[in-house]
Amino acid sequence: MQKACKLQVAQLLHEHQLTALPVITPEGLVAGVVSEADLLRKQEPDANIAAEARAVLTGILLADPPAVRVSVHSGVVTLAGRLASQEQIDAAVRLTDAIDAVVAVTSELHAPAPENWPGAGYHIPA
């Protein structure tokens, strides 16, 4: 189940004080039931999520660990710091969001301006 869908199901269960909801296929058939226990089963401590996110950054993106800070609160990951390029930032966010227990990712990452931008390397006097 996708994260956005999990969040919507959790909100419905909470708002209507339900313990389970049917899962309906696009054809209108009942495919199963999702319960509170199903939503809670994959929750992990924030420290475990942070460790997995750091492993993604260092192992896959080869990012410098001190250059990127990872913090997690209730499954919401915040990535802050500097990566080499916008492409690395996009990949870091996408790969972190793919971690099962992650609810959402907030990016406070930045990258240096590309060297081929117009005016790169030139100082314009004030």
C-alpha atoms as a PDB file:
ATOM      1  CA  MET A   1       0.000   0.000   0.000  1.00  0.00           C
ATOM      2  CA  GLN A   2       1.381   3.410  -0.922  1.00  0.00           C
ATOM      3  CA  LYS A   3       2.209   5.906   1.821  1.00  0.00           C
ATOM      4  CA  ALA A   4      -0.387   8.484   0.799  1.00  0.00           C
ATOM      5  CA  CYS A   5      -3.012   5.760   0.806  1.00  0.00           C
ATOM      6  CA  LYS A   6      -1.888   4.536   4.253  1.00  0.00           C
ATOM      7  CA  LEU A   7      -2.234   8.046   5.600  1.00  0.00           C
ATOM      8  CA  GLN A   8      -5.745   8.404   4.150  1.00  0.00           C
ATOM      9  CA  VAL A   9      -6.796   5.033   5.598  1.00  0.00           C
ATOM     10  CA  ALA A  10      -5.374   5.950   9.005  1.00  0.00           C
ATOM     11  CA  GLN A  11      -7.272   9.263   8.925  1.00  0.00           C
ATOM     12  CA  LEU A  12     -10.541   7.522   7.992  1.00  0.00           C
ATOM     13  CA  LEU A  13     -10.117   4.934  10.743  1.00  0.00           C
ATOM     14  CA  HIS A  14      -9.404   7.643  13.288  1.00  0.00           C
ATOM     15  CA  GLU A  15     -12.120  10.102  12.189  1.00  0.00           C
ATOM     16  CA  HIS A  16     -14.850   7.480  12.114  1.00  0.00           C
ATOM     17  CA  GLN A  17     -13.551   5.451  15.074  1.00  0.00           C
ATOM     18  CA  LEU A  18     -13.291   2.303  12.961  1.00  0.00           C
ATOM     19  CA  THR A  19     -10.946  -0.622  13.417  1.00  0.00           C
ATOM     20  CA  ALA A  20     -10.951  -1.840   9.795  1.00  0.00           C
ATOM     21  CA  LEU A  21     -11.967  -0.901   6.248  1.00  0.00           C
ATOM     22  CA  PRO A  22     -12.643  -3.038   3.165  1.00  0.00           C
ATOM     23  CA  VAL A  23     -10.195  -2.846   0.257  1.00  0.00           C
ATOM     24  CA  ILE A  24     -12.101  -2.513  -3.015  1.00  0.00           C
ATOM     25  CA  THR A  25     -10.663  -3.228  -6.478  1.00  0.00           C
ATOM     26  CA  PRO A  26     -11.294  -0.840  -9.392  1.00  0.00           C
ATOM     27  CA  GLU A  27     -13.951  -3.337 -10.538  1.00  0.00           C
ATOM     28  CA  GLY A  28     -15.817  -2.917  -7.236  1.00  0.00           C
ATOM     29  CA  LEU A  29     -14.885  -6.300  -5.760  1.00  0.00           C
ATOM     30  CA  VAL A  30     -13.778  -6.713  -2.147  1.00  0.00           C
ATOM     31  CA  ALA A  31     -10.093  -7.638  -2.228  1.00  0.00           C
ATOM     32  CA  GLY A  32      -9.576  -7.766   1.518  1.00  0.00           C
ATOM     33  CA  VAL A  33      -9.650  -5.776   4.718  1.00  0.00           C
ATOM     34  CA  VAL A  34      -7.111  -3.347   6.137  1.00  0.00           C
ATOM     35  CA  SER A  35      -7.030  -2.865   9.891  1.00  0.00           C
ATOM     36  CA  GLU A  36      -5.269  -0.614  12.357  1.00  0.00           C
ATOM     37  CA  ALA A  37      -2.894  -3.481  13.064  1.00  0.00           C
ATOM     38  CA  ASP A  38      -1.953  -3.643   9.373  1.00  0.00           C
ATOM     39  CA  LEU A  39      -1.056   0.041   9.372  1.00  0.00           C
ATOM     40  CA  LEU A  40       0.943  -0.190  12.596  1.00  0.00           C
ATOM     41  CA  ARG A  41       2.762  -3.414  11.789  1.00  0.00           C
ATOM     42  CA  LYS A  42       5.535  -1.819   9.745  1.00  0.00           C
ATOM     43  CA  GLN A  43       6.195   1.081  12.068  1.00  0.00           C
ATOM     44  CA  GLU A  44       9.785   1.277  13.164  1.00  0.00           C
ATOM     45  CA  PRO A  45      11.568   3.414  15.708  1.00  0.00           C
ATOM     46  CA  ASP A  46      12.754   6.732  14.323  1.00  0.00           C
ATOM     47  CA  ALA A  47      16.373   5.744  15.047  1.00  0.00           C
ATOM     48  CA  ASN A  48      16.061   2.689  12.759  1.00  0.00           C
ATOM     49  CA  ILE A  49      14.551   4.799   9.972  1.00  0.00           C
ATOM     50  CA  ALA A  50      17.357   7.364  10.338  1.00  0.00           C
ATOM     51  CA  ALA A  51      19.990   4.635  10.170  1.00  0.00           C
ATOM     52  CA  GLU A  52      18.450   3.206   7.005  1.00  0.00           C
ATOM     53  CA  ALA A  53      18.241   6.661   5.414  1.00  0.00           C
ATOM     54  CA  ARG A  54      21.917   7.306   6.250  1.00  0.00           C
ATOM     55  CA  ALA A  55      22.809   3.944   4.703  1.00  0.00           C
ATOM     56  CA  VAL A  56      21.000   4.967   1.511  1.00  0.00           C
ATOM     57  CA  LEU A  57      22.875   8.269   1.390  1.00  0.00           C
ATOM     58  CA  THR A  58      26.310   6.808   2.008  1.00  0.00           C
ATOM     59  CA  GLY A  59      25.958   3.419   0.328  1.00  0.00           C
ATOM     60  CA  ILE A  60      24.016   4.292  -2.795  1.00  0.00           C
ATOM     61  CA  LEU A  61      24.637   7.990  -3.371  1.00  0.00           C
ATOM     62  CA  LEU A  62      28.148   7.939  -1.878  1.00  0.00           C
ATOM     63  CA  ALA A  63      27.272  11.156  -0.083  1.00  0.00           C
ATOM     64  CA  ASP A  64      29.636  12.492   2.558  1.00  0.00           C
ATOM     65  CA  PRO A  65      27.920  11.601   5.870  1.00  0.00           C
ATOM     66  CA  PRO A  66      28.858  14.846   7.658  1.00  0.00           C
ATOM     67  CA  ALA A  67      27.522  16.886   4.713  1.00  0.00           C
ATOM     68  CA  VAL A  68      23.957  15.585   5.124  1.00  0.00           C
ATOM     69  CA  ARG A  69      21.955  15.542   8.349  1.00  0.00           C
ATOM     70  CA  VAL A  70      19.124  13.057   8.746  1.00  0.00           C
ATOM     71  CA  SER A  71      16.480  13.580  11.411  1.00  0.00           C
ATOM     72  CA  VAL A  72      13.282  11.596  11.908  1.00  0.00           C
ATOM     73  CA  HIS A  73      10.194  12.415  13.929  1.00  0.00           C
ATOM     74  CA  SER A  74       7.220  10.025  13.872  1.00  0.00           C
ATOM     75  CA  GLY A  75       8.367   8.550  10.574  1.00  0.00           C
ATOM     76  CA  VAL A  76       8.813  11.924   8.851  1.00  0.00           C
ATOM     77  CA  VAL A  77      12.399  12.218   7.591  1.00  0.00           C
ATOM     78  CA  THR A  78      14.124  15.565   7.170  1.00  0.00           C
ATOM     79  CA  LEU A  79      17.234  15.624   4.994  1.00  0.00           C
ATOM     80  CA  ALA A  80      19.386  18.734   5.391  1.00  0.00           C
ATOM     81  CA  GLY A  81      22.780  19.771   4.131  1.00  0.00           C
ATOM     82  CA  ARG A  82      24.618  19.689   0.835  1.00  0.00           C
ATOM     83  CA  LEU A  83      24.908  17.220  -2.011  1.00  0.00           C
ATOM     84  CA  ALA A  84      26.890  17.483  -5.242  1.00  0.00           C
ATOM     85  CA  SER A  85      23.961  18.118  -7.605  1.00  0.00           C
ATOM     86  CA  GLN A  86      20.221  18.575  -7.927  1.00  0.00           C
ATOM     87  CA  GLU A  87      20.085  15.070  -9.410  1.00  0.00           C
ATOM     88  CA  GLN A  88      21.603  13.674  -6.194  1.00  0.00           C
ATOM     89  CA  ILE A  89      19.067  15.615  -4.141  1.00  0.00           C
ATOM     90  CA  ASP A  90      16.196  14.201  -6.202  1.00  0.00           C
ATOM     91  CA  ALA A  91      17.607  10.671  -5.844  1.00  0.00           C
ATOM     92  CA  ALA A  92      18.151  11.088  -2.088  1.00  0.00           C
ATOM     93  CA  VAL A  93      14.543  12.176  -1.567  1.00  0.00           C
ATOM     94  CA  ARG A  94      13.158   9.434  -3.820  1.00  0.00           C
ATOM     95  CA  LEU A  95      15.252   6.647  -2.243  1.00  0.00           C
ATOM     96  CA  THR A  96      14.534   7.823   1.296  1.00  0.00           C
ATOM     97  CA  ASP A  97      10.807   7.978   0.571  1.00  0.00           C
ATOM     98  CA  ALA A  98      10.992   4.366  -0.671  1.00  0.00           C
ATOM     99  CA  ILE A  99      11.965   3.124   2.809  1.00  0.00           C
ATOM    100  CA  ASP A 100       8.951   1.171   4.103  1.00  0.00           C
ATOM    101  CA  ALA A 101       8.480   2.915   7.443  1.00  0.00           C
ATOM    102  CA  VAL A 102       8.944   6.451   6.087  1.00  0.00           C
ATOM    103  CA  VAL A 103       5.745   8.501   6.213  1.00  0.00           C
ATOM    104  CA  ALA A 104       7.092  11.535   4.328  1.00  0.00           C
ATOM    105  CA  VAL A 105      10.367  13.246   3.396  1.00  0.00           C
ATOM    106  CA  THR A 106      11.177  16.917   3.837  1.00  0.00           C
ATOM    107  CA  SER A 107      14.189  18.139   1.892  1.00  0.00           C
ATOM    108  CA  GLU A 108      16.336  20.979   3.139  1.00  0.00           C
ATOM    109  CA  LEU A 109      19.152  19.844   0.850  1.00  0.00           C
ATOM    110  CA  HIS A 110      20.982  22.163  -1.491  1.00  0.00           C
ATOM    111  CA  ALA A 111      23.601  21.796  -4.215  1.00  0.00           C
ATOM    112  CA  PRO A 112      26.144  24.181  -5.681  1.00  0.00           C
ATOM    113  CA  ALA A 113      25.113  26.044  -8.799  1.00  0.00           C
ATOM    114  CA  PRO A 114      26.158  24.239 -11.984  1.00  0.00           C
ATOM    115  CA  GLU A 115      29.383  25.599 -13.458  1.00  0.00           C
ATOM    116  CA  ASN A 116      27.786  26.078 -16.858  1.00  0.00           C
ATOM    117  CA  TRP A 117      25.167  28.544 -15.630  1.00  0.00           C
ATOM    118  CA  PRO A 118      25.408  31.901 -17.364  1.00  0.00           C
ATOM    119  CA  GLY A 119      27.723  34.093 -15.341  1.00  0.00           C
ATOM    120  CA  ALA A 120      29.264  31.179 -13.421  1.00  0.00           C
ATOM    121  CA  GLY A 121      32.781  32.044 -12.400  1.00  0.00           C
ATOM    122  CA  TYR A 122      32.342  35.737 -13.029  1.00  0.00           C
ATOM    123  CA  HIS A 123      32.113  38.377 -10.367  1.00  0.00           C
ATOM    124  CA  ILE A 124      29.742  41.197 -11.153  1.00  0.00           C
ATOM    125  CA  PRO A 125      30.705  44.321  -9.224  1.00  0.00           C
ATOM    126  CA  ALA A 126      27.962  45.956  -7.196  1.00  0.00           C
END
